[in-house]
Amino acid sequence: MSPIDPLQARTTDDRDDRGRGSARALAVLFGLCALAAAALAGFAAAAVFDQFRVMSINSVFGNWDTTIPVAVRGLGLPVGILATMGFLALYGKWNRRGAARDVLSPAVAPFTIVLLGLTIGTWIATTMWTEPDAVGVAVDPTFSQHAPWDAGAWILYTAKWWLPGLLTLFTVVSVWGRLAARRRFAARTS
């Protein structure tokens, strides 16, 4: 029995699967799984951000509890990041195998999938963010020495709008850039 060259075997597998519907279906499945995992990571990251936000906008003696459980914040981030990396590796493998030709594969860039997932997770989490004790002032229920918010507290308070909005902008720019790159590549190769 002759030894098998792993590089040659992988190249043969890639060539055999090229353009097959099953390879494209697996690419879509792993892309959606990566999207969900990135959304979990975005949700958990936004929940951690909310904890720091609440600590900044409320008084030291005020409410520092958030509506998102600690377990989601603690486990969601590492699990989401690791799952995203694993699913993106599988997405890249099957997307490469499922591509009928090598025209700037993959069709949807892994970076775009991650950005979209982070955007979705952040949008969902910001709807669950904790409201401050009072808008514009850090209420001190113990000593009644209320302090007006500074610029940083106002920026953190409005983060429930600008943070997901900024991620949405990055996602749109990523998709637009990918489409523009595909058009330029197609124009050069035709």
Protein backbone atom coordinates (compact mmCIF):
# COMPACT_ATOMS: atom_id res chain seq x y z
CA MET A 1 0.00 0.00 0.00
CA SER A 2 1.43 3.38 -0.99
CA PRO A 3 1.45 6.32 1.42
CA ILE A 4 -1.14 9.05 0.83
CA ASP A 5 -0.02 12.63 0.53
CA PRO A 6 -2.42 14.70 2.73
CA LEU A 7 -2.01 17.82 0.58
CA GLN A 8 -2.82 15.87 -2.58
CA ALA A 9 -5.85 14.22 -0.90
CA ARG A 10 -7.21 17.59 0.24
CA THR A 11 -6.75 19.09 -3.22
CA THR A 12 -8.57 16.11 -4.74
CA ASP A 13 -11.43 16.48 -2.21
CA ASP A 14 -11.71 20.19 -2.99
CA ARG A 15 -11.80 19.47 -6.72
CA ASP A 16 -14.41 16.70 -6.33
CA ASP A 17 -16.76 18.94 -4.30
CA ARG A 18 -16.35 22.04 -6.48
CA GLY A 19 -19.75 23.44 -7.40
CA ARG A 20 -21.77 20.76 -5.61
CA GLY A 21 -25.02 21.81 -3.99
CA SER A 22 -24.28 19.86 -0.81
CA ALA A 23 -21.04 21.78 -0.28
CA ARG A 24 -22.87 25.09 -0.81
CA ALA A 25 -25.62 24.00 1.60
CA LEU A 26 -23.02 23.19 4.26
CA ALA A 27 -21.38 26.57 3.66
CA VAL A 28 -24.72 28.31 4.20
CA LEU A 29 -25.42 26.22 7.32
CA PHE A 30 -22.03 26.99 8.88
CA GLY A 31 -22.34 30.65 7.87
CA LEU A 32 -25.67 30.89 9.69
CA CYS A 33 -24.19 29.11 12.72
CA ALA A 34 -21.28 31.59 12.71
CA LEU A 35 -23.79 34.43 12.48
CA ALA A 36 -25.69 33.10 15.51
CA ALA A 37 -22.47 32.60 17.49
CA ALA A 38 -21.31 36.13 16.66
CA ALA A 39 -24.72 37.44 17.73
CA LEU A 40 -24.28 35.64 21.06
CA ALA A 41 -20.85 37.25 21.46
CA GLY A 42 -22.29 40.66 20.56
CA PHE A 43 -25.15 40.21 23.03
CA ALA A 44 -22.76 39.25 25.84
CA ALA A 45 -20.33 42.07 25.01
CA ALA A 46 -23.20 44.58 25.04
CA ALA A 47 -24.34 43.16 28.38
CA VAL A 48 -20.87 43.69 29.86
CA PHE A 49 -20.89 47.21 28.40
CA ASP A 50 -24.25 47.80 30.11
CA GLN A 51 -22.77 46.85 33.47
CA PHE A 52 -20.06 49.51 33.11
CA ARG A 53 -22.63 51.95 31.75
CA VAL A 54 -24.90 51.52 34.79
CA MET A 55 -21.96 51.92 37.15
CA SER A 56 -21.09 55.20 35.44
CA ILE A 57 -24.53 56.80 35.18
CA ASN A 58 -25.86 55.85 38.62
CA SER A 59 -24.49 56.94 41.97
CA VAL A 60 -22.11 54.78 43.97
CA PHE A 61 -25.01 54.19 46.32
CA GLY A 62 -27.55 53.75 43.52
CA ASN A 63 -28.68 50.70 41.61
CA TRP A 64 -25.89 48.82 39.81
CA ASP A 65 -27.93 45.75 38.87
CA THR A 66 -28.47 45.02 35.21
CA THR A 67 -31.35 43.12 33.64
CA ILE A 68 -29.06 40.67 31.82
CA PRO A 69 -27.92 37.78 34.09
CA VAL A 70 -24.27 37.41 35.04
CA ALA A 71 -24.13 33.91 33.54
CA VAL A 72 -25.02 35.27 30.10
CA ARG A 73 -22.36 37.95 30.41
CA GLY A 74 -19.73 35.55 31.76
CA LEU A 75 -20.29 32.57 29.49
CA GLY A 76 -21.77 34.17 26.39
CA LEU A 77 -18.66 36.07 25.41
CA PRO A 78 -16.05 33.25 25.42
CA VAL A 79 -18.50 30.67 24.07
CA GLY A 80 -19.64 33.06 21.35
CA ILE A 81 -16.10 33.94 20.31
CA LEU A 82 -14.86 30.33 20.21
CA ALA A 83 -17.97 29.09 18.41
CA THR A 84 -17.69 31.92 15.86
CA MET A 85 -14.09 30.99 15.10
CA GLY A 86 -14.93 27.31 14.70
CA PHE A 87 -17.98 27.88 12.52
CA LEU A 88 -16.10 30.39 10.36
CA ALA A 89 -13.36 27.82 9.74
CA LEU A 90 -15.98 25.32 8.58
CA TYR A 91 -17.75 28.02 6.57
CA GLY A 92 -14.52 28.88 4.76
CA LYS A 93 -13.77 25.24 4.01
CA TRP A 94 -17.19 24.41 2.58
CA ASN A 95 -17.61 27.74 0.83
CA ARG A 96 -14.33 27.17 -0.98
CA ARG A 97 -15.42 23.65 -1.94
CA GLY A 98 -18.89 24.77 -3.01
CA ALA A 99 -17.74 27.63 -5.22
CA ALA A 100 -18.26 26.78 -8.88
CA ARG A 101 -15.23 28.87 -9.76
CA ASP A 102 -12.64 30.86 -7.87
CA VAL A 103 -14.14 34.33 -8.25
CA LEU A 104 -13.18 36.12 -5.08
CA SER A 105 -14.53 33.33 -2.87
CA PRO A 106 -16.23 33.46 -0.39
CA ALA A 107 -19.36 35.24 -1.52
CA VAL A 108 -19.99 36.64 1.95
CA ALA A 109 -16.79 37.51 3.77
CA PRO A 110 -16.28 36.07 7.26
CA PHE A 111 -15.67 39.60 8.57
CA THR A 112 -19.10 40.64 7.29
CA ILE A 113 -20.73 37.66 9.00
CA VAL A 114 -19.06 38.60 12.28
CA LEU A 115 -20.05 42.26 11.96
CA LEU A 116 -23.65 41.35 11.16
CA GLY A 117 -23.80 38.96 14.12
CA LEU A 118 -22.32 41.54 16.49
CA THR A 119 -24.80 44.11 15.21
CA ILE A 120 -27.79 41.82 15.73
CA GLY A 121 -26.63 40.78 19.21
CA THR A 122 -25.95 44.36 20.24
CA TRP A 123 -29.33 45.60 18.94
CA ILE A 124 -31.11 42.91 20.95
CA ALA A 125 -29.07 43.57 24.11
CA THR A 126 -29.58 47.34 24.01
CA THR A 127 -33.34 46.83 24.15
CA MET A 128 -32.77 45.09 27.49
CA TRP A 129 -30.35 47.60 28.97
CA THR A 130 -31.03 48.95 32.42
CA GLU A 131 -32.59 52.38 32.71
CA PRO A 132 -30.77 54.83 35.03
CA ASP A 133 -32.19 55.80 38.40
CA ALA A 134 -32.79 59.26 36.91
CA VAL A 135 -31.85 60.75 33.55
CA GLY A 136 -29.26 63.51 33.84
CA VAL A 137 -28.40 63.06 37.50
CA ALA A 138 -26.71 60.39 39.60
CA VAL A 139 -29.20 59.98 42.44
CA ASP A 140 -27.64 59.35 45.85
CA PRO A 141 -30.33 57.63 47.95
CA THR A 142 -28.08 57.41 51.02
CA PHE A 143 -26.72 60.93 51.52
CA SER A 144 -28.98 62.83 49.09
CA GLN A 145 -26.00 64.44 47.36
CA HIS A 146 -27.15 64.10 43.78
CA ALA A 147 -24.57 64.83 41.08
CA PRO A 148 -25.37 65.97 37.55
CA TRP A 149 -23.99 63.79 34.77
CA ASP A 150 -20.81 64.78 33.01
CA ALA A 151 -20.23 64.37 29.27
CA GLY A 152 -18.99 60.78 29.71
CA ALA A 153 -22.17 59.72 31.47
CA TRP A 154 -24.28 61.27 28.72
CA ILE A 155 -22.24 59.44 26.07
CA LEU A 156 -22.71 56.15 27.92
CA TYR A 157 -26.42 56.83 28.39
CA THR A 158 -26.92 57.42 24.67
CA ALA A 159 -24.86 54.33 23.79
CA LYS A 160 -28.08 52.35 23.48
CA TRP A 161 -28.61 54.24 20.21
CA TRP A 162 -25.16 55.04 18.87
CA LEU A 163 -23.45 51.69 19.62
CA PRO A 164 -25.77 49.49 17.52
CA GLY A 165 -26.04 52.30 14.96
CA LEU A 166 -22.27 52.41 14.57
CA LEU A 167 -22.08 48.64 14.19
CA THR A 168 -24.85 48.81 11.58
CA LEU A 169 -22.85 51.42 9.66
CA PHE A 170 -19.73 49.21 9.76
CA THR A 171 -21.78 46.25 8.52
CA VAL A 172 -23.25 48.22 5.62
CA VAL A 173 -19.79 49.52 4.64
CA SER A 174 -18.42 45.96 4.79
CA VAL A 175 -21.18 44.61 2.53
CA TRP A 176 -20.80 47.54 0.14
CA GLY A 177 -17.02 47.08 0.03
CA ARG A 178 -17.39 43.36 -0.66
CA LEU A 179 -19.83 43.98 -3.51
CA ALA A 180 -17.57 46.66 -5.00
CA ALA A 181 -14.56 44.33 -4.80
CA ARG A 182 -16.50 41.55 -6.53
CA ARG A 183 -17.53 43.93 -9.34
CA ARG A 184 -13.94 45.14 -9.82
CA PHE A 185 -12.63 41.56 -9.83
CA ALA A 186 -15.30 40.42 -12.31
CA ALA A 187 -14.52 43.39 -14.58
CA ARG A 188 -10.79 42.56 -14.58
CA THR A 189 -11.31 38.86 -15.32
CA SER A 190 -13.84 39.32 -18.16
